[in-house]
Amino acid sequence: MNNNNNNNKSLLLTYIFSLIGGLYGLHHLYLGRTQHAVLWVTTFGGFGIGYIYELLFLIKTYVYEANNHCLIINEYRLKMRAKKSPSFEISRLCGIQITGTLGPRQCSFIWPLLGAICGMPFLIWHINSAPSFNIAAFFSCCIFESKIQWNREYFLNVLITKSAEQQLLISSKQIKRKRCHIVKRCLIFGLGVMIFSVIFTSAIYQNLQVDVKGQRVKLKDVLNDFFKSQEFTIMRENLSIIIRRLWALYLHYGFKGLWMIFGFEKTEKQAFEVDNVASQKDIESQCRTLSRKWHPDRYRNYEQKQKAQVTFMNIQQACDRLSNERKRRQLIKTQK
């Protein structure tokens, strides 16, 4: 029987989060598996394969683990009692080779370092080549996998001690596993994504090469030349002018006024029932039609006359703005 707790995670919500943002670790963030969420967002769901596998087979186990379900507790209890260390798993070896390890297992960092040192001579031997298979990393993964031990503090309600006969005696205490608050988990998740983005962007900037007139040139050199060019200087000055003008318009009219200034033409064309590609002649014709329709002299009732007068003035102003904008664009095209 699992612990009755209002904070128990829902299997249905976990599947929903997995389908919505599983490739970015959204369901792991919901379950309190912050490290797993960061791992998923940095590897696009374990390169897609890990996401599909856990969606089909592991979601239920993750929910039970998050809720400290007795089935999961007893399962690991039996495993720890039966085996001194976790059994070898091909899937975990592949995961270590690509990213790392998670869950109720742990290993000293000394062992992967030792594996890297063992692989160093092979790297020195092939120093002038660029092998696609990293032998040092492979040795690190193999030694890491062989030295994995149980993380006996992963579940706080399973306390494991050794007796005088070096046997594992396991006692269960119903202690709630401490999990970070959702806000803290989101902050950690965001920080991890930011760090990864900086490292990934830096790696691309330093190593990516592009083809320029048949020659392979590093991206950073191309960007440096572009930032020093006259075209970039002109573009930067124009952007600076546009930003200053937008800021001045925002201070004077506010965000709503700014939105209206940029959206008035499309909105007014829709109000006039003309296409966005309508010619100046079509716009003028529609303006005359609407002006005749809403002319105040056509209405006898005072309230209708007042309403028609306001509408008529708005139509006249909108027609003038559309006409001036069209003329301005025509003038620009003529100058080009």
C-alpha atoms as a PDB file:
ATOM      1  CA  MET A   1       0.000   0.000   0.000  1.00  0.00           C
ATOM      2  CA  ASN A   2       1.462   3.328  -1.000  1.00  0.00           C
ATOM      3  CA  ASN A   3       1.582   6.350   1.225  1.00  0.00           C
ATOM      4  CA  ASN A   4      -1.611   8.404   1.233  1.00  0.00           C
ATOM      5  CA  ASN A   5      -0.474  11.861   0.406  1.00  0.00           C
ATOM      6  CA  ASN A   6      -2.117  14.793  -1.276  1.00  0.00           C
ATOM      7  CA  ASN A   7       1.133  15.403  -3.147  1.00  0.00           C
ATOM      8  CA  ASN A   8       1.059  12.025  -4.895  1.00  0.00           C
ATOM      9  CA  LYS A   9       1.733  12.317  -8.607  1.00  0.00           C
ATOM     10  CA  SER A  10      -0.966  11.437 -11.104  1.00  0.00           C
ATOM     11  CA  LEU A  11      -0.280   8.823 -13.770  1.00  0.00           C
ATOM     12  CA  LEU A  12      -2.714  10.532 -16.154  1.00  0.00           C
ATOM     13  CA  LEU A  13      -1.054  13.939 -15.750  1.00  0.00           C
ATOM     14  CA  THR A  14       2.349  12.341 -16.235  1.00  0.00           C
ATOM     15  CA  TYR A  15       1.254  10.852 -19.558  1.00  0.00           C
ATOM     16  CA  ILE A  16      -0.270  14.187 -20.603  1.00  0.00           C
ATOM     17  CA  PHE A  17       2.934  16.090 -19.763  1.00  0.00           C
ATOM     18  CA  SER A  18       4.935  13.391 -21.521  1.00  0.00           C
ATOM     19  CA  LEU A  19       2.905  13.739 -24.709  1.00  0.00           C
ATOM     20  CA  ILE A  20       2.977  17.554 -24.591  1.00  0.00           C
ATOM     21  CA  GLY A  21       6.634  18.136 -23.715  1.00  0.00           C
ATOM     22  CA  GLY A  22       8.197  14.743 -23.124  1.00  0.00           C
ATOM     23  CA  LEU A  23      11.096  15.391 -25.461  1.00  0.00           C
ATOM     24  CA  TYR A  24      12.034  18.343 -23.237  1.00  0.00           C
ATOM     25  CA  GLY A  25      11.588  16.536 -19.904  1.00  0.00           C
ATOM     26  CA  LEU A  26       8.327  18.198 -18.838  1.00  0.00           C
ATOM     27  CA  HIS A  27       7.005  15.016 -17.205  1.00  0.00           C
ATOM     28  CA  HIS A  28      10.289  14.502 -15.344  1.00  0.00           C
ATOM     29  CA  LEU A  29      10.036  18.039 -13.994  1.00  0.00           C
ATOM     30  CA  TYR A  30       6.509  17.243 -12.784  1.00  0.00           C
ATOM     31  CA  LEU A  31       7.706  14.052 -11.057  1.00  0.00           C
ATOM     32  CA  GLY A  32      10.564  15.838  -9.297  1.00  0.00           C
ATOM     33  CA  ARG A  33      13.279  14.260 -11.463  1.00  0.00           C
ATOM     34  CA  THR A  34      15.041  17.560 -12.169  1.00  0.00           C
ATOM     35  CA  GLN A  35      18.321  16.016 -13.310  1.00  0.00           C
ATOM     36  CA  HIS A  36      16.472  13.728 -15.677  1.00  0.00           C
ATOM     37  CA  ALA A  37      14.541  16.706 -17.065  1.00  0.00           C
ATOM     38  CA  VAL A  38      17.777  18.608 -17.749  1.00  0.00           C
ATOM     39  CA  LEU A  39      19.224  15.492 -19.365  1.00  0.00           C
ATOM     40  CA  TRP A  40      16.179  15.122 -21.605  1.00  0.00           C
ATOM     41  CA  VAL A  41      16.098  18.755 -22.739  1.00  0.00           C
ATOM     42  CA  THR A  42      19.825  18.713 -23.549  1.00  0.00           C
ATOM     43  CA  THR A  43      19.629  15.464 -25.539  1.00  0.00           C
ATOM     44  CA  PHE A  44      16.166  15.981 -27.053  1.00  0.00           C
ATOM     45  CA  GLY A  45      14.617  13.160 -25.092  1.00  0.00           C
ATOM     46  CA  GLY A  46      17.614  10.856 -25.210  1.00  0.00           C
ATOM     47  CA  PHE A  47      17.829  11.429 -28.978  1.00  0.00           C
ATOM     48  CA  GLY A  48      14.192  10.378 -29.247  1.00  0.00           C
ATOM     49  CA  ILE A  49      14.924   6.726 -28.467  1.00  0.00           C
ATOM     50  CA  GLY A  50      14.924   7.155 -24.701  1.00  0.00           C
ATOM     51  CA  TYR A  51      11.686   9.138 -24.789  1.00  0.00           C
ATOM     52  CA  ILE A  52       9.854   6.487 -26.822  1.00  0.00           C
ATOM     53  CA  TYR A  53      11.179   3.675 -24.621  1.00  0.00           C
ATOM     54  CA  GLU A  54      10.124   5.297 -21.353  1.00  0.00           C
ATOM     55  CA  LEU A  55       6.767   6.344 -22.816  1.00  0.00           C
ATOM     56  CA  LEU A  56       6.043   2.700 -23.600  1.00  0.00           C
ATOM     57  CA  PHE A  57       7.558   0.966 -20.565  1.00  0.00           C
ATOM     58  CA  LEU A  58       8.789   3.266 -17.765  1.00  0.00           C
ATOM     59  CA  ILE A  59       6.226   6.015 -17.075  1.00  0.00           C
ATOM     60  CA  LYS A  60       4.288   3.916 -14.571  1.00  0.00           C
ATOM     61  CA  THR A  61       7.491   2.993 -12.734  1.00  0.00           C
ATOM     62  CA  TYR A  62       8.523   6.650 -12.539  1.00  0.00           C
ATOM     63  CA  VAL A  63       5.159   7.601 -11.017  1.00  0.00           C
ATOM     64  CA  TYR A  64       5.377   4.781  -8.447  1.00  0.00           C
ATOM     65  CA  GLU A  65       8.913   5.896  -7.599  1.00  0.00           C
ATOM     66  CA  ALA A  66       7.826   9.522  -7.169  1.00  0.00           C
ATOM     67  CA  ASN A  67       5.015   8.400  -4.842  1.00  0.00           C
ATOM     68  CA  ASN A  68       7.282   6.035  -2.852  1.00  0.00           C
ATOM     69  CA  HIS A  69       4.987   3.169  -3.787  1.00  0.00           C
ATOM     70  CA  CYS A  70       5.510  -0.033  -1.822  1.00  0.00           C
ATOM     71  CA  LEU A  71       5.985  -2.045  -5.053  1.00  0.00           C
ATOM     72  CA  ILE A  72       9.043  -0.012  -6.004  1.00  0.00           C
ATOM     73  CA  ILE A  73      10.391  -0.025  -2.450  1.00  0.00           C
ATOM     74  CA  ASN A  74      10.051  -3.801  -2.179  1.00  0.00           C
ATOM     75  CA  GLU A  75      11.541  -4.314  -5.634  1.00  0.00           C
ATOM     76  CA  TYR A  76      14.724  -2.427  -4.783  1.00  0.00           C
ATOM     77  CA  ARG A  77      14.780  -4.006  -1.352  1.00  0.00           C
ATOM     78  CA  LEU A  78      14.863  -7.477  -2.901  1.00  0.00           C
ATOM     79  CA  LYS A  79      17.436  -6.431  -5.499  1.00  0.00           C
ATOM     80  CA  MET A  80      19.759  -4.981  -2.856  1.00  0.00           C
ATOM     81  CA  ARG A  81      19.371  -8.078  -0.731  1.00  0.00           C
ATOM     82  CA  ALA A  82      20.015 -10.473  -3.611  1.00  0.00           C
ATOM     83  CA  LYS A  83      22.893  -8.654  -5.284  1.00  0.00           C
ATOM     84  CA  LYS A  84      25.806  -6.783  -3.823  1.00  0.00           C
ATOM     85  CA  SER A  85      25.875  -4.412  -6.797  1.00  0.00           C
ATOM     86  CA  PRO A  86      23.496  -3.650  -9.687  1.00  0.00           C
ATOM     87  CA  SER A  87      23.530  -6.114 -12.550  1.00  0.00           C
ATOM     88  CA  PHE A  88      25.054  -5.241 -15.894  1.00  0.00           C
ATOM     89  CA  GLU A  89      22.646  -3.525 -18.293  1.00  0.00           C
ATOM     90  CA  ILE A  90      23.333  -2.824 -21.959  1.00  0.00           C
ATOM     91  CA  SER A  91      20.865   0.078 -21.971  1.00  0.00           C
ATOM     92  CA  ARG A  92      22.640   1.739 -19.045  1.00  0.00           C
ATOM     93  CA  LEU A  93      26.041   1.211 -20.666  1.00  0.00           C
ATOM     94  CA  CYS A  94      24.777   2.946 -23.810  1.00  0.00           C
ATOM     95  CA  GLY A  95      23.299   5.719 -21.686  1.00  0.00           C
ATOM     96  CA  ILE A  96      26.609   6.239 -19.906  1.00  0.00           C
ATOM     97  CA  GLN A  97      28.418   6.314 -23.223  1.00  0.00           C
ATOM     98  CA  ILE A  98      26.098   9.083 -24.429  1.00  0.00           C
ATOM     99  CA  THR A  99      25.251  11.073 -21.303  1.00  0.00           C
ATOM    100  CA  GLY A 100      25.602   9.654 -17.785  1.00  0.00           C
ATOM    101  CA  THR A 101      23.666   7.749 -15.150  1.00  0.00           C
ATOM    102  CA  LEU A 102      20.618   8.450 -13.004  1.00  0.00           C
ATOM    103  CA  GLY A 103      18.515   6.634 -10.437  1.00  0.00           C
ATOM    104  CA  PRO A 104      19.257   4.597  -7.285  1.00  0.00           C
ATOM    105  CA  ARG A 105      22.823   3.776  -8.364  1.00  0.00           C
ATOM    106  CA  GLN A 106      26.092   5.584  -7.824  1.00  0.00           C
ATOM    107  CA  CYS A 107      29.771   5.365  -8.684  1.00  0.00           C
ATOM    108  CA  SER A 108      32.909   7.207  -7.670  1.00  0.00           C
ATOM    109  CA  PHE A 109      34.203   9.677 -10.230  1.00  0.00           C
ATOM    110  CA  ILE A 110      37.660   8.144  -9.829  1.00  0.00           C
ATOM    111  CA  TRP A 111      36.761   5.171 -12.023  1.00  0.00           C
ATOM    112  CA  PRO A 112      35.774   7.038 -15.204  1.00  0.00           C
ATOM    113  CA  LEU A 113      38.886   9.189 -14.765  1.00  0.00           C
ATOM    114  CA  LEU A 114      40.952   6.014 -14.548  1.00  0.00           C
ATOM    115  CA  GLY A 115      39.304   4.759 -17.732  1.00  0.00           C
ATOM    116  CA  ALA A 116      40.132   8.021 -19.485  1.00  0.00           C
ATOM    117  CA  ILE A 117      43.764   7.745 -18.392  1.00  0.00           C
ATOM    118  CA  CYS A 118      43.903   4.183 -19.723  1.00  0.00           C
ATOM    119  CA  GLY A 119      42.623   5.409 -23.077  1.00  0.00           C
ATOM    120  CA  MET A 120      45.054   8.332 -23.342  1.00  0.00           C
ATOM    121  CA  PRO A 121      47.860   6.331 -25.048  1.00  0.00           C
ATOM    122  CA  PHE A 122      45.469   5.410 -27.869  1.00  0.00           C
ATOM    123  CA  LEU A 123      44.586   9.075 -28.353  1.00  0.00           C
ATOM    124  CA  ILE A 124      48.268  10.025 -28.469  1.00  0.00           C
ATOM    125  CA  TRP A 125      48.902   7.244 -30.985  1.00  0.00           C
ATOM    126  CA  HIS A 126      46.211   8.696 -33.284  1.00  0.00           C
ATOM    127  CA  ILE A 127      47.074  12.317 -32.554  1.00  0.00           C
ATOM    128  CA  ASN A 128      47.164  13.311 -36.241  1.00  0.00           C
ATOM    129  CA  SER A 129      43.791  11.769 -37.034  1.00  0.00           C
ATOM    130  CA  ALA A 130      40.266  12.445 -35.845  1.00  0.00           C
ATOM    131  CA  PRO A 131      38.728   9.047 -34.972  1.00  0.00           C
ATOM    132  CA  SER A 132      34.944   8.904 -34.777  1.00  0.00           C
ATOM    133  CA  PHE A 133      35.218   6.388 -31.916  1.00  0.00           C
ATOM    134  CA  ASN A 134      36.648   7.848 -28.688  1.00  0.00           C
ATOM    135  CA  ILE A 135      38.574   5.017 -27.005  1.00  0.00           C
ATOM    136  CA  ALA A 136      39.191   6.969 -23.788  1.00  0.00           C
ATOM    137  CA  ALA A 137      35.470   7.625 -23.369  1.00  0.00           C
ATOM    138  CA  PHE A 138      34.697   3.964 -24.082  1.00  0.00           C
ATOM    139  CA  PHE A 139      37.136   2.783 -21.387  1.00  0.00           C
ATOM    140  CA  SER A 140      35.625   5.275 -18.941  1.00  0.00           C
ATOM    141  CA  CYS A 141      32.144   3.902 -19.588  1.00  0.00           C
ATOM    142  CA  CYS A 142      33.236   0.284 -19.192  1.00  0.00           C
ATOM    143  CA  ILE A 143      35.006   0.890 -15.863  1.00  0.00           C
ATOM    144  CA  PHE A 144      32.154   3.117 -14.684  1.00  0.00           C
ATOM    145  CA  GLU A 145      29.630   0.362 -15.431  1.00  0.00           C
ATOM    146  CA  SER A 146      31.683  -2.290 -13.640  1.00  0.00           C
ATOM    147  CA  LYS A 147      32.072  -0.165 -10.476  1.00  0.00           C
ATOM    148  CA  ILE A 148      28.458   0.991 -10.020  1.00  0.00           C
ATOM    149  CA  GLN A 149      27.082   0.475  -6.502  1.00  0.00           C
ATOM    150  CA  TRP A 150      23.657   0.900  -4.931  1.00  0.00           C
ATOM    151  CA  ASN A 151      22.811   4.400  -3.796  1.00  0.00           C
ATOM    152  CA  ARG A 152      21.376   3.444  -0.417  1.00  0.00           C
ATOM    153  CA  GLU A 153      20.131   6.953   0.306  1.00  0.00           C
ATOM    154  CA  TYR A 154      18.052   7.295  -2.852  1.00  0.00           C
ATOM    155  CA  PHE A 155      14.928   6.103  -1.040  1.00  0.00           C
ATOM    156  CA  LEU A 156      14.897   7.567   2.455  1.00  0.00           C
ATOM    157  CA  ASN A 157      12.320   5.062   3.639  1.00  0.00           C
ATOM    158  CA  VAL A 158      14.605   2.114   2.956  1.00  0.00           C
ATOM    159  CA  LEU A 159      17.500   2.036   5.405  1.00  0.00           C
ATOM    160  CA  ILE A 160      20.146  -0.595   4.745  1.00  0.00           C
ATOM    161  CA  THR A 161      22.781  -1.632   7.274  1.00  0.00           C
ATOM    162  CA  LYS A 162      25.274  -4.461   7.568  1.00  0.00           C
ATOM    163  CA  SER A 163      25.144  -6.919  10.427  1.00  0.00           C
ATOM    164  CA  ALA A 164      28.077  -8.621  12.076  1.00  0.00           C
ATOM    165  CA  GLU A 165      27.811 -11.423   9.527  1.00  0.00           C
ATOM    166  CA  GLN A 166      28.081  -8.851   6.687  1.00  0.00           C
ATOM    167  CA  GLN A 167      24.463  -9.571   5.689  1.00  0.00           C
ATOM    168  CA  LEU A 168      22.083  -6.863   4.522  1.00  0.00           C
ATOM    169  CA  LEU A 169      19.301  -6.276   7.022  1.00  0.00           C
ATOM    170  CA  ILE A 170      16.640  -4.016   5.614  1.00  0.00           C
ATOM    171  CA  SER A 171      14.103  -2.179   7.720  1.00  0.00           C
ATOM    172  CA  SER A 172      11.331  -0.029   6.333  1.00  0.00           C
ATOM    173  CA  LYS A 173      10.273   3.247   7.914  1.00  0.00           C
ATOM    174  CA  GLN A 174       7.556   5.363   6.423  1.00  0.00           C
ATOM    175  CA  ILE A 175       9.603   8.506   5.899  1.00  0.00           C
ATOM    176  CA  LYS A 176       8.518  10.889   3.206  1.00  0.00           C
ATOM    177  CA  ARG A 177      11.158  11.393   0.561  1.00  0.00           C
ATOM    178  CA  LYS A 178      12.102  15.045   0.440  1.00  0.00           C
ATOM    179  CA  ARG A 179      11.582  16.705  -2.906  1.00  0.00           C
ATOM    180  CA  CYS A 180      12.326  20.241  -3.969  1.00  0.00           C
ATOM    181  CA  HIS A 181       9.489  22.705  -4.432  1.00  0.00           C
ATOM    182  CA  ILE A 182       8.251  23.068  -8.000  1.00  0.00           C
ATOM    183  CA  VAL A 183       9.605  26.635  -8.183  1.00  0.00           C
ATOM    184  CA  LYS A 184      13.066  25.486  -7.117  1.00  0.00           C
ATOM    185  CA  ARG A 185      12.933  22.607  -9.589  1.00  0.00           C
ATOM    186  CA  CYS A 186      11.991  25.010 -12.390  1.00  0.00           C
ATOM    187  CA  LEU A 187      14.845  27.355 -11.443  1.00  0.00           C
ATOM    188  CA  ILE A 188      17.339  24.478 -11.424  1.00  0.00           C
ATOM    189  CA  PHE A 189      15.920  23.243 -14.726  1.00  0.00           C
ATOM    190  CA  GLY A 190      16.180  26.700 -16.289  1.00  0.00           C
ATOM    191  CA  LEU A 191      19.725  27.173 -15.012  1.00  0.00           C
ATOM    192  CA  GLY A 192      20.744  23.811 -16.445  1.00  0.00           C
ATOM    193  CA  VAL A 193      19.240  24.676 -19.819  1.00  0.00           C
ATOM    194  CA  MET A 194      20.995  28.061 -19.826  1.00  0.00           C
ATOM    195  CA  ILE A 195      24.376  26.515 -19.003  1.00  0.00           C
ATOM    196  CA  PHE A 196      23.924  23.869 -21.684  1.00  0.00           C
ATOM    197  CA  SER A 197      22.859  26.493 -24.228  1.00  0.00           C
ATOM    198  CA  VAL A 198      25.940  28.604 -23.512  1.00  0.00           C
ATOM    199  CA  ILE A 199      28.271  25.602 -23.814  1.00  0.00           C
ATOM    200  CA  PHE A 200      26.529  24.318 -26.950  1.00  0.00           C
ATOM    201  CA  THR A 201      26.539  27.744 -28.611  1.00  0.00           C
ATOM    202  CA  SER A 202      30.192  28.241 -27.706  1.00  0.00           C
ATOM    203  CA  ALA A 203      31.100  24.851 -29.182  1.00  0.00           C
ATOM    204  CA  ILE A 204      29.315  25.692 -32.437  1.00  0.00           C
ATOM    205  CA  TYR A 205      30.907  29.148 -32.567  1.00  0.00           C
ATOM    206  CA  GLN A 206      34.399  27.766 -32.031  1.00  0.00           C
ATOM    207  CA  ASN A 207      34.240  24.668 -34.258  1.00  0.00           C
ATOM    208  CA  LEU A 208      31.607  25.043 -36.984  1.00  0.00           C
ATOM    209  CA  GLN A 209      33.007  25.585 -40.457  1.00  0.00           C
ATOM    210  CA  VAL A 210      31.264  27.022 -43.509  1.00  0.00           C
ATOM    211  CA  ASP A 211      32.123  26.902 -47.187  1.00  0.00           C
ATOM    212  CA  VAL A 212      33.126  30.286 -48.619  1.00  0.00           C
ATOM    213  CA  LYS A 213      34.052  30.209 -52.316  1.00  0.00           C
ATOM    214  CA  GLY A 214      35.318  26.643 -52.056  1.00  0.00           C
ATOM    215  CA  GLN A 215      37.326  27.204 -48.869  1.00  0.00           C
ATOM    216  CA  ARG A 216      36.468  25.891 -45.411  1.00  0.00           C
ATOM    217  CA  VAL A 217      36.386  28.821 -42.993  1.00  0.00           C
ATOM    218  CA  LYS A 218      35.464  28.747 -39.313  1.00  0.00           C
ATOM    219  CA  LEU A 219      32.191  30.389 -38.408  1.00  0.00           C
ATOM    220  CA  LYS A 220      33.821  32.627 -35.793  1.00  0.00           C
ATOM    221  CA  ASP A 221      36.133  34.119 -38.440  1.00  0.00           C
ATOM    222  CA  VAL A 222      33.201  34.798 -40.771  1.00  0.00           C
ATOM    223  CA  LEU A 223      31.220  36.439 -37.967  1.00  0.00           C
ATOM    224  CA  ASN A 224      34.197  38.542 -36.891  1.00  0.00           C
ATOM    225  CA  ASP A 225      34.615  39.828 -40.447  1.00  0.00           C
ATOM    226  CA  PHE A 226      30.885  40.513 -40.686  1.00  0.00           C
ATOM    227  CA  PHE A 227      30.828  42.488 -37.430  1.00  0.00           C
ATOM    228  CA  LYS A 228      33.701  44.633 -38.725  1.00  0.00           C
ATOM    229  CA  SER A 229      32.103  45.245 -42.125  1.00  0.00           C
ATOM    230  CA  GLN A 230      30.465  48.476 -43.266  1.00  0.00           C
ATOM    231  CA  GLU A 231      27.159  46.667 -43.923  1.00  0.00           C
ATOM    232  CA  PHE A 232      26.905  45.646 -40.265  1.00  0.00           C
ATOM    233  CA  THR A 233      27.721  49.188 -39.142  1.00  0.00           C
ATOM    234  CA  ILE A 234      24.933  50.604 -41.328  1.00  0.00           C
ATOM    235  CA  MET A 235      22.496  47.933 -40.168  1.00  0.00           C
ATOM    236  CA  ARG A 236      23.351  48.596 -36.523  1.00  0.00           C
ATOM    237  CA  GLU A 237      22.813  52.340 -36.964  1.00  0.00           C
ATOM    238  CA  ASN A 238      19.460  51.783 -38.699  1.00  0.00           C
ATOM    239  CA  LEU A 239      18.326  49.388 -35.979  1.00  0.00           C
ATOM    240  CA  SER A 240      19.398  51.883 -33.338  1.00  0.00           C
ATOM    241  CA  ILE A 241      17.322  54.609 -35.016  1.00  0.00           C
ATOM    242  CA  ILE A 242      14.293  52.317 -35.301  1.00  0.00           C
ATOM    243  CA  ILE A 243      14.538  51.263 -31.652  1.00  0.00           C
ATOM    244  CA  ARG A 244      14.813  54.878 -30.474  1.00  0.00           C
ATOM    245  CA  ARG A 245      11.777  55.860 -32.545  1.00  0.00           C
ATOM    246  CA  LEU A 246       9.781  52.887 -31.277  1.00  0.00           C
ATOM    247  CA  TRP A 247      10.701  53.772 -27.716  1.00  0.00           C
ATOM    248  CA  ALA A 248       9.607  57.377 -28.247  1.00  0.00           C
ATOM    249  CA  LEU A 249       6.301  56.194 -29.742  1.00  0.00           C
ATOM    250  CA  TYR A 250       5.809  53.815 -26.830  1.00  0.00           C
ATOM    251  CA  LEU A 251       6.414  56.577 -24.275  1.00  0.00           C
ATOM    252  CA  HIS A 252       3.947  58.847 -26.069  1.00  0.00           C
ATOM    253  CA  TYR A 253       1.168  56.437 -27.064  1.00  0.00           C
ATOM    254  CA  GLY A 254       1.751  53.372 -24.889  1.00  0.00           C
ATOM    255  CA  PHE A 255       1.716  49.751 -26.051  1.00  0.00           C
ATOM    256  CA  LYS A 256      -1.880  49.870 -27.286  1.00  0.00           C
ATOM    257  CA  GLY A 257      -1.216  52.968 -29.358  1.00  0.00           C
ATOM    258  CA  LEU A 258       1.960  51.416 -30.744  1.00  0.00           C
ATOM    259  CA  TRP A 259       0.030  48.319 -31.752  1.00  0.00           C
ATOM    260  CA  MET A 260      -2.630  50.415 -33.445  1.00  0.00           C
ATOM    261  CA  ILE A 261      -0.043  52.382 -35.400  1.00  0.00           C
ATOM    262  CA  PHE A 262       1.468  49.225 -36.912  1.00  0.00           C
ATOM    263  CA  GLY A 263      -1.800  47.360 -37.357  1.00  0.00           C
ATOM    264  CA  PHE A 264      -4.055  50.135 -38.600  1.00  0.00           C
ATOM    265  CA  GLU A 265      -3.621  49.455 -42.317  1.00  0.00           C
ATOM    266  CA  LYS A 266      -4.516  45.772 -42.175  1.00  0.00           C
ATOM    267  CA  THR A 267      -7.378  46.447 -39.755  1.00  0.00           C
ATOM    268  CA  GLU A 268      -8.806  49.239 -41.857  1.00  0.00           C
ATOM    269  CA  LYS A 269      -8.566  47.233 -45.061  1.00  0.00           C
ATOM    270  CA  GLN A 270     -10.499  44.461 -43.361  1.00  0.00           C
ATOM    271  CA  ALA A 271     -13.056  47.006 -42.159  1.00  0.00           C
ATOM    272  CA  PHE A 272     -13.418  48.322 -45.728  1.00  0.00           C
ATOM    273  CA  GLU A 273     -13.822  44.739 -46.982  1.00  0.00           C
ATOM    274  CA  VAL A 274     -10.908  44.973 -49.412  1.00  0.00           C
ATOM    275  CA  ASP A 275      -7.947  42.627 -49.871  1.00  0.00           C
ATOM    276  CA  ASN A 276      -4.501  43.365 -48.492  1.00  0.00           C
ATOM    277  CA  VAL A 277      -3.258  43.559 -52.088  1.00  0.00           C
ATOM    278  CA  ALA A 278      -6.025  45.959 -53.180  1.00  0.00           C
ATOM    279  CA  SER A 279      -4.954  48.797 -55.448  1.00  0.00           C
ATOM    280  CA  GLN A 280      -5.296  52.492 -54.691  1.00  0.00           C
ATOM    281  CA  LYS A 281      -8.251  52.671 -57.076  1.00  0.00           C
ATOM    282  CA  ASP A 282     -10.096  49.881 -55.239  1.00  0.00           C
ATOM    283  CA  ILE A 283      -9.506  51.562 -51.882  1.00  0.00           C
ATOM    284  CA  GLU A 284     -10.763  54.925 -53.140  1.00  0.00           C
ATOM    285  CA  SER A 285     -13.847  53.298 -54.649  1.00  0.00           C
ATOM    286  CA  GLN A 286     -14.669  51.518 -51.403  1.00  0.00           C
ATOM    287  CA  CYS A 287     -14.090  54.730 -49.435  1.00  0.00           C
ATOM    288  CA  ARG A 288     -16.614  56.577 -51.620  1.00  0.00           C
ATOM    289  CA  THR A 289     -19.145  53.775 -51.189  1.00  0.00           C
ATOM    290  CA  LEU A 290     -18.820  53.762 -47.400  1.00  0.00           C
ATOM    291  CA  SER A 291     -18.854  57.562 -47.254  1.00  0.00           C
ATOM    292  CA  ARG A 292     -22.179  57.653 -49.104  1.00  0.00           C
ATOM    293  CA  LYS A 293     -23.555  54.895 -46.872  1.00  0.00           C
ATOM    294  CA  TRP A 294     -22.634  56.644 -43.612  1.00  0.00           C
ATOM    295  CA  HIS A 295     -23.172  60.263 -44.623  1.00  0.00           C
ATOM    296  CA  PRO A 296     -25.005  62.029 -41.751  1.00  0.00           C
ATOM    297  CA  ASP A 297     -27.495  63.732 -44.107  1.00  0.00           C
ATOM    298  CA  ARG A 298     -29.053  60.354 -44.884  1.00  0.00           C
ATOM    299  CA  TYR A 299     -30.306  59.903 -41.318  1.00  0.00           C
ATOM    300  CA  ARG A 300     -33.245  61.735 -39.702  1.00  0.00           C
ATOM    301  CA  ASN A 301     -33.140  60.220 -36.236  1.00  0.00           C
ATOM    302  CA  TYR A 302     -30.883  62.234 -33.927  1.00  0.00           C
ATOM    303  CA  GLU A 303     -29.100  59.226 -32.356  1.00  0.00           C
ATOM    304  CA  GLN A 304     -28.565  57.540 -35.703  1.00  0.00           C
ATOM    305  CA  LYS A 305     -27.340  60.829 -37.156  1.00  0.00           C
ATOM    306  CA  GLN A 306     -24.771  61.195 -34.343  1.00  0.00           C
ATOM    307  CA  LYS A 307     -23.563  57.624 -34.780  1.00  0.00           C
ATOM    308  CA  ALA A 308     -23.331  58.058 -38.562  1.00  0.00           C
ATOM    309  CA  GLN A 309     -21.367  61.280 -38.139  1.00  0.00           C
ATOM    310  CA  VAL A 310     -18.757  59.565 -35.940  1.00  0.00           C
ATOM    311  CA  THR A 311     -18.512  56.630 -38.356  1.00  0.00           C
ATOM    312  CA  PHE A 312     -18.271  58.979 -41.340  1.00  0.00           C
ATOM    313  CA  MET A 313     -15.374  60.910 -39.753  1.00  0.00           C
ATOM    314  CA  ASN A 314     -13.545  57.687 -38.912  1.00  0.00           C
ATOM    315  CA  ILE A 315     -13.952  56.488 -42.488  1.00  0.00           C
ATOM    316  CA  GLN A 316     -12.572  59.753 -43.858  1.00  0.00           C
ATOM    317  CA  GLN A 317      -9.546  59.621 -41.539  1.00  0.00           C
ATOM    318  CA  ALA A 318      -8.880  55.963 -42.337  1.00  0.00           C
ATOM    319  CA  CYS A 319      -9.129  56.623 -46.062  1.00  0.00           C
ATOM    320  CA  ASP A 320      -6.663  59.481 -45.790  1.00  0.00           C
ATOM    321  CA  ARG A 321      -4.182  57.323 -43.860  1.00  0.00           C
ATOM    322  CA  LEU A 322      -4.462  54.444 -46.315  1.00  0.00           C
ATOM    323  CA  SER A 323      -4.096  56.780 -49.258  1.00  0.00           C
ATOM    324  CA  ASN A 324      -1.037  58.502 -47.795  1.00  0.00           C
ATOM    325  CA  GLU A 325       0.558  55.159 -46.930  1.00  0.00           C
ATOM    326  CA  ARG A 326      -0.038  53.863 -50.439  1.00  0.00           C
ATOM    327  CA  LYS A 327       1.464  57.008 -51.978  1.00  0.00           C
ATOM    328  CA  ARG A 328       4.478  56.770 -49.687  1.00  0.00           C
ATOM    329  CA  ARG A 329       5.145  53.195 -50.767  1.00  0.00           C
ATOM    330  CA  GLN A 330       4.742  54.074 -54.420  1.00  0.00           C
ATOM    331  CA  LEU A 331       7.256  56.893 -53.988  1.00  0.00           C
ATOM    332  CA  ILE A 332       9.764  54.533 -52.374  1.00  0.00           C
ATOM    333  CA  LYS A 333       9.371  52.029 -55.229  1.00  0.00           C
ATOM    334  CA  THR A 334       9.853  54.819 -57.783  1.00  0.00           C
ATOM    335  CA  GLN A 335      13.063  55.988 -56.104  1.00  0.00           C
ATOM    336  CA  LYS A 336      14.452  52.443 -56.169  1.00  0.00           C
END
